[in-house]
């Protein structure tokens, strides 16, 4: 019975946070107050809060209680090189996004793409268009261009999982580094077609080129993010001087 009440408390508070009844940074009601609200013991409330903390809804801070976290924004690191699957692996399974493949074709690269990928007109390139859906809303539109000379075969099931894992674990490619730029741009008709924009006029666009060893380009990506769901973060260390 206690487990049932604990589950009810968890679901109620999680829903309230997702619906905005508790704002990010706000202090949640105390265990004492919650036990009175739900007519149960503090130990039962404590179990529910522990699970909320584990699932990323709150952060317990000694002396301050439980602080509500921003569950609608995912921190995207601008330093380091991680795949999207690796980025969301820390999310609870119930909060992980769904990847949908909308296009997977081989194309002849236009001049601008040949320059990005340092390839010739005779080399075909995979064009991969995917959306990332959180809470039943498509909020990221990724368009990848991948050199077929490095990746002879690419399938929808691979693209729905992780192309980076396929590159490294199946093809034995050694990913070395990437170069990125981030800008804010007005939404396009394509954005409106693929994403749930809810009238938003701008989004964040991250353009990146991934290189294998010897600084050879492998993949060029344009990743378009809805503004309200992501926070782009970096870590910088001050050097002496």
Protein backbone atom coordinates (compact mmCIF):
# COMPACT_ATOMS: atom_id res chain seq x y z
CA UNK A 1 0.00 0.00 0.00
CA UNK A 2 2.83 2.37 0.81
CA UNK A 3 4.35 1.72 -2.59
CA UNK A 4 1.01 2.64 -4.22
CA UNK A 5 0.82 5.94 -2.33
CA UNK A 6 4.46 6.67 -3.09
CA UNK A 7 3.80 6.06 -6.79
CA UNK A 8 0.77 8.39 -6.66
CA UNK A 9 2.84 11.15 -5.06
CA UNK A 10 5.58 10.67 -7.66
CA UNK A 11 3.17 10.82 -10.58
CA UNK A 12 1.29 13.83 -9.20
CA UNK A 13 4.40 15.92 -8.60
CA UNK A 14 6.04 14.86 -11.87
CA UNK A 15 2.89 15.91 -13.76
CA UNK A 16 2.75 19.22 -11.90
CA UNK A 17 6.38 19.96 -12.79
CA UNK A 18 5.89 19.05 -16.45
CA UNK A 19 2.75 21.20 -16.61
CA UNK A 20 4.56 24.20 -15.10
CA UNK A 21 2.76 24.29 -11.75
CA UNK A 22 6.22 24.27 -10.16
CA UNK A 23 8.77 26.56 -11.82
CA UNK A 24 12.46 25.65 -12.33
CA UNK A 25 14.44 26.81 -9.30
CA UNK A 26 11.39 26.87 -7.05
CA UNK A 27 11.51 25.00 -3.76
CA UNK A 28 9.12 22.06 -3.57
CA UNK A 29 6.84 21.64 -0.57
CA UNK A 30 8.54 20.06 2.43
CA UNK A 31 8.23 16.39 3.28
CA UNK A 32 6.17 17.41 6.31
CA UNK A 33 3.73 19.41 4.18
CA UNK A 34 3.51 16.71 1.52
CA UNK A 35 2.84 14.02 4.10
CA UNK A 36 -0.06 16.14 5.38
CA UNK A 37 -1.36 16.76 1.84
CA UNK A 38 -1.33 13.06 0.94
CA UNK A 39 -2.26 11.84 4.43
CA UNK A 40 0.69 9.50 4.59
CA UNK A 41 3.98 9.07 6.40
CA UNK A 42 7.12 11.12 5.73
CA UNK A 43 8.97 7.92 4.83
CA UNK A 44 6.49 7.31 1.98
CA UNK A 45 6.94 10.89 0.77
CA UNK A 46 10.70 10.48 1.07
CA UNK A 47 10.59 7.48 -1.30
CA UNK A 48 8.62 9.48 -3.86
CA UNK A 49 11.06 12.41 -3.66
CA UNK A 50 14.03 10.07 -4.03
CA UNK A 51 12.56 8.76 -7.27
CA UNK A 52 11.80 12.28 -8.49
CA UNK A 53 15.44 13.14 -7.83
CA UNK A 54 16.68 10.04 -9.64
CA UNK A 55 14.50 10.84 -12.65
CA UNK A 56 15.72 14.42 -12.91
CA UNK A 57 12.65 16.32 -11.71
CA UNK A 58 14.17 17.74 -8.52
CA UNK A 59 17.56 18.27 -6.90
CA UNK A 60 17.83 17.71 -3.16
CA UNK A 61 19.94 20.44 -1.55
CA UNK A 62 20.92 20.14 2.09
CA UNK A 63 19.38 22.94 4.11
CA UNK A 64 17.15 24.06 1.24
CA UNK A 65 14.96 21.05 0.55
CA UNK A 66 14.00 19.89 -2.95
CA UNK A 67 14.64 22.31 -5.82
CA UNK A 68 12.60 21.89 -9.01
CA UNK A 69 14.69 21.32 -12.14
CA UNK A 70 13.93 22.46 -15.68
CA UNK A 71 12.69 19.21 -17.23
CA UNK A 72 11.84 20.88 -20.53
CA UNK A 73 15.42 21.80 -21.42
CA UNK A 74 18.23 19.40 -22.25
CA UNK A 75 21.80 20.58 -21.73
CA UNK A 76 23.73 20.27 -24.99
CA UNK A 77 27.51 20.52 -24.49
CA UNK A 78 29.34 22.62 -27.05
CA UNK A 79 32.71 21.19 -26.02
CA UNK A 80 33.46 17.51 -26.34
CA UNK A 81 32.20 15.18 -29.05
CA UNK A 82 29.27 12.95 -28.13
CA UNK A 83 26.56 11.33 -30.18
CA UNK A 84 22.91 12.21 -29.64
CA UNK A 85 22.32 8.74 -28.18
CA UNK A 86 25.13 9.31 -25.68
CA UNK A 87 23.77 12.77 -24.85
CA UNK A 88 20.33 11.50 -23.87
CA UNK A 89 21.52 8.28 -22.20
CA UNK A 90 21.48 10.00 -18.80
CA UNK A 91 17.75 10.72 -19.11
CA UNK A 92 15.29 8.31 -17.49
CA UNK A 93 13.94 5.83 -20.06
CA UNK A 94 10.50 7.45 -19.93
CA UNK A 95 12.00 10.82 -20.96
CA UNK A 96 14.25 9.63 -23.78
CA UNK A 97 13.36 10.87 -27.25
CA UNK A 98 12.22 8.93 -30.28
CA UNK A 99 14.25 9.27 -33.47
CA UNK A 100 12.33 9.17 -36.75
CA UNK A 101 14.02 8.83 -40.14
CA UNK A 102 12.30 10.86 -42.86
CA UNK A 103 14.86 10.50 -45.66
CA UNK A 104 17.83 8.24 -46.34
CA UNK A 105 19.15 8.56 -49.88
CA UNK A 106 22.38 8.72 -51.85
CA UNK A 107 22.88 12.05 -53.61
CA UNK A 108 25.40 13.70 -55.88
CA UNK A 109 26.90 16.45 -53.71
CA UNK A 110 26.37 20.05 -54.80
CA UNK A 111 29.39 22.36 -54.90
CA UNK A 112 28.89 23.75 -51.37
CA UNK A 113 28.77 20.23 -49.92
CA UNK A 114 31.85 19.10 -51.85
CA UNK A 115 33.69 21.96 -50.20
CA UNK A 116 32.40 21.00 -46.73
CA UNK A 117 33.32 17.35 -47.12
CA UNK A 118 36.42 17.80 -49.30
CA UNK A 119 35.06 15.27 -51.78
CA UNK A 120 34.77 15.17 -55.55
CA UNK A 121 31.66 15.29 -57.73
CA UNK A 122 32.06 11.59 -58.52
CA UNK A 123 31.62 10.57 -54.87
CA UNK A 124 28.09 9.94 -53.66
CA UNK A 125 26.97 11.19 -50.26
CA UNK A 126 24.33 9.85 -47.90
CA UNK A 127 21.62 12.39 -47.07
CA UNK A 128 19.93 11.53 -43.78
CA UNK A 129 17.01 13.56 -42.41
CA UNK A 130 15.80 12.77 -38.88
CA UNK A 131 13.60 14.33 -36.21
CA UNK A 132 14.00 13.87 -32.45
CA UNK A 133 10.71 13.73 -30.57
CA UNK A 134 10.41 14.51 -26.84
CA UNK A 135 7.05 14.09 -25.09
CA UNK A 136 5.35 13.47 -28.46
CA UNK A 137 6.68 16.75 -29.88
CA UNK A 138 9.28 16.91 -32.65
CA UNK A 139 11.80 19.50 -31.43
CA UNK A 140 15.03 18.74 -33.36
CA UNK A 141 15.51 18.46 -37.10
CA UNK A 142 18.83 16.89 -38.09
CA UNK A 143 20.12 16.75 -41.65
CA UNK A 144 23.34 14.75 -42.06
CA UNK A 145 25.55 14.34 -45.11
CA UNK A 146 27.94 11.37 -44.88
CA UNK A 147 30.59 10.31 -47.39
CA UNK A 148 29.78 6.93 -48.93
CA UNK A 149 33.48 6.23 -49.49
CA UNK A 150 33.74 5.85 -45.69
CA UNK A 151 30.26 4.43 -45.10
CA UNK A 152 29.34 2.06 -47.96
CA UNK A 153 26.08 0.93 -46.36
CA UNK A 154 23.64 2.79 -44.15
CA UNK A 155 20.18 1.61 -43.09
CA UNK A 156 17.13 3.13 -41.43
CA UNK A 157 17.55 0.95 -38.33
CA UNK A 158 21.14 2.16 -37.89
CA UNK A 159 20.04 5.77 -38.31
CA UNK A 160 17.29 5.33 -35.73
CA UNK A 161 19.86 4.06 -33.23
CA UNK A 162 23.28 5.76 -33.52
CA UNK A 163 25.35 6.43 -36.61
CA UNK A 164 28.38 7.23 -34.41
CA UNK A 165 28.22 3.80 -32.78
CA UNK A 166 27.97 2.24 -36.24
CA UNK A 167 30.94 4.26 -37.52
CA UNK A 168 33.16 3.29 -34.61
CA UNK A 169 31.99 -0.18 -33.58
CA UNK A 170 31.01 -1.70 -36.91
CA UNK A 171 33.09 0.16 -39.49
CA UNK A 172 36.13 0.76 -37.27
CA UNK A 173 36.31 4.46 -38.10
CA UNK A 174 38.33 6.63 -35.74
CA UNK A 175 36.43 9.85 -35.03
CA UNK A 176 39.01 12.55 -34.25
CA UNK A 177 37.28 15.92 -33.78
CA UNK A 178 34.56 18.24 -35.00
CA UNK A 179 34.23 21.91 -35.86
CA UNK A 180 30.97 23.64 -34.94
CA UNK A 181 29.15 26.90 -35.26
CA UNK A 182 25.93 27.90 -33.54
CA UNK A 183 23.53 30.59 -34.74
CA UNK A 184 19.92 31.65 -34.23
CA UNK A 185 17.86 31.67 -37.41
CA UNK A 186 14.30 32.31 -38.46
CA UNK A 187 12.18 29.23 -38.98
CA UNK A 188 11.67 27.95 -42.50
CA UNK A 189 8.83 26.16 -44.24
CA UNK A 190 10.78 22.93 -43.78
CA UNK A 191 11.02 23.54 -40.04
CA UNK A 192 7.27 24.08 -39.88
CA UNK A 193 6.75 20.88 -41.84
CA UNK A 194 8.90 18.64 -39.65
CA UNK A 195 8.82 20.28 -36.19
CA UNK A 196 6.13 21.23 -33.70
CA UNK A 197 7.00 24.93 -33.60
CA UNK A 198 3.82 26.30 -31.95
CA UNK A 199 4.29 29.62 -33.70
CA UNK A 200 7.93 30.14 -32.67
CA UNK A 201 9.75 32.40 -35.12
CA UNK A 202 13.36 31.33 -34.44
CA UNK A 203 15.37 28.28 -33.55
CA UNK A 204 18.99 27.46 -32.73
CA UNK A 205 21.02 25.93 -35.54
CA UNK A 206 24.23 23.99 -34.88
CA UNK A 207 26.31 23.23 -37.96
CA UNK A 208 29.18 20.82 -37.53
CA UNK A 209 31.76 18.89 -39.55
CA UNK A 210 33.08 15.64 -38.10
CA UNK A 211 36.59 14.53 -39.02
CA UNK A 212 38.35 11.19 -38.85
CA UNK A 213 42.10 10.88 -38.28
CA UNK A 214 44.40 12.89 -40.54
CA UNK A 215 41.75 15.67 -40.45
CA UNK A 216 39.64 14.14 -43.23
CA UNK A 217 35.96 15.21 -43.23
CA UNK A 218 33.46 12.38 -42.78
CA UNK A 219 30.12 14.02 -41.99
CA UNK A 220 28.49 17.43 -42.20
CA UNK A 221 25.41 18.07 -40.06
CA UNK A 222 22.85 20.81 -39.65
CA UNK A 223 20.92 20.39 -36.40
CA UNK A 224 17.94 22.70 -35.84
CA UNK A 225 16.66 22.97 -32.25
CA UNK A 226 13.49 24.46 -30.83
CA UNK A 227 14.58 27.26 -28.48
CA UNK A 228 12.52 26.34 -25.43
CA UNK A 229 13.75 22.75 -25.09
CA UNK A 230 17.54 23.09 -25.03
CA UNK A 231 20.31 24.89 -23.21
CA UNK A 232 23.73 25.03 -24.87
CA UNK A 233 26.54 24.82 -22.33
CA UNK A 234 30.33 24.87 -22.34
CA UNK A 235 33.13 24.50 -19.83
CA UNK A 236 36.10 26.85 -19.85
CA UNK A 237 39.12 26.87 -17.60
CA UNK A 238 41.10 30.07 -17.06
CA UNK A 239 44.80 29.69 -17.79
CA UNK A 240 47.50 31.67 -16.04
CA UNK A 241 48.63 34.75 -17.84
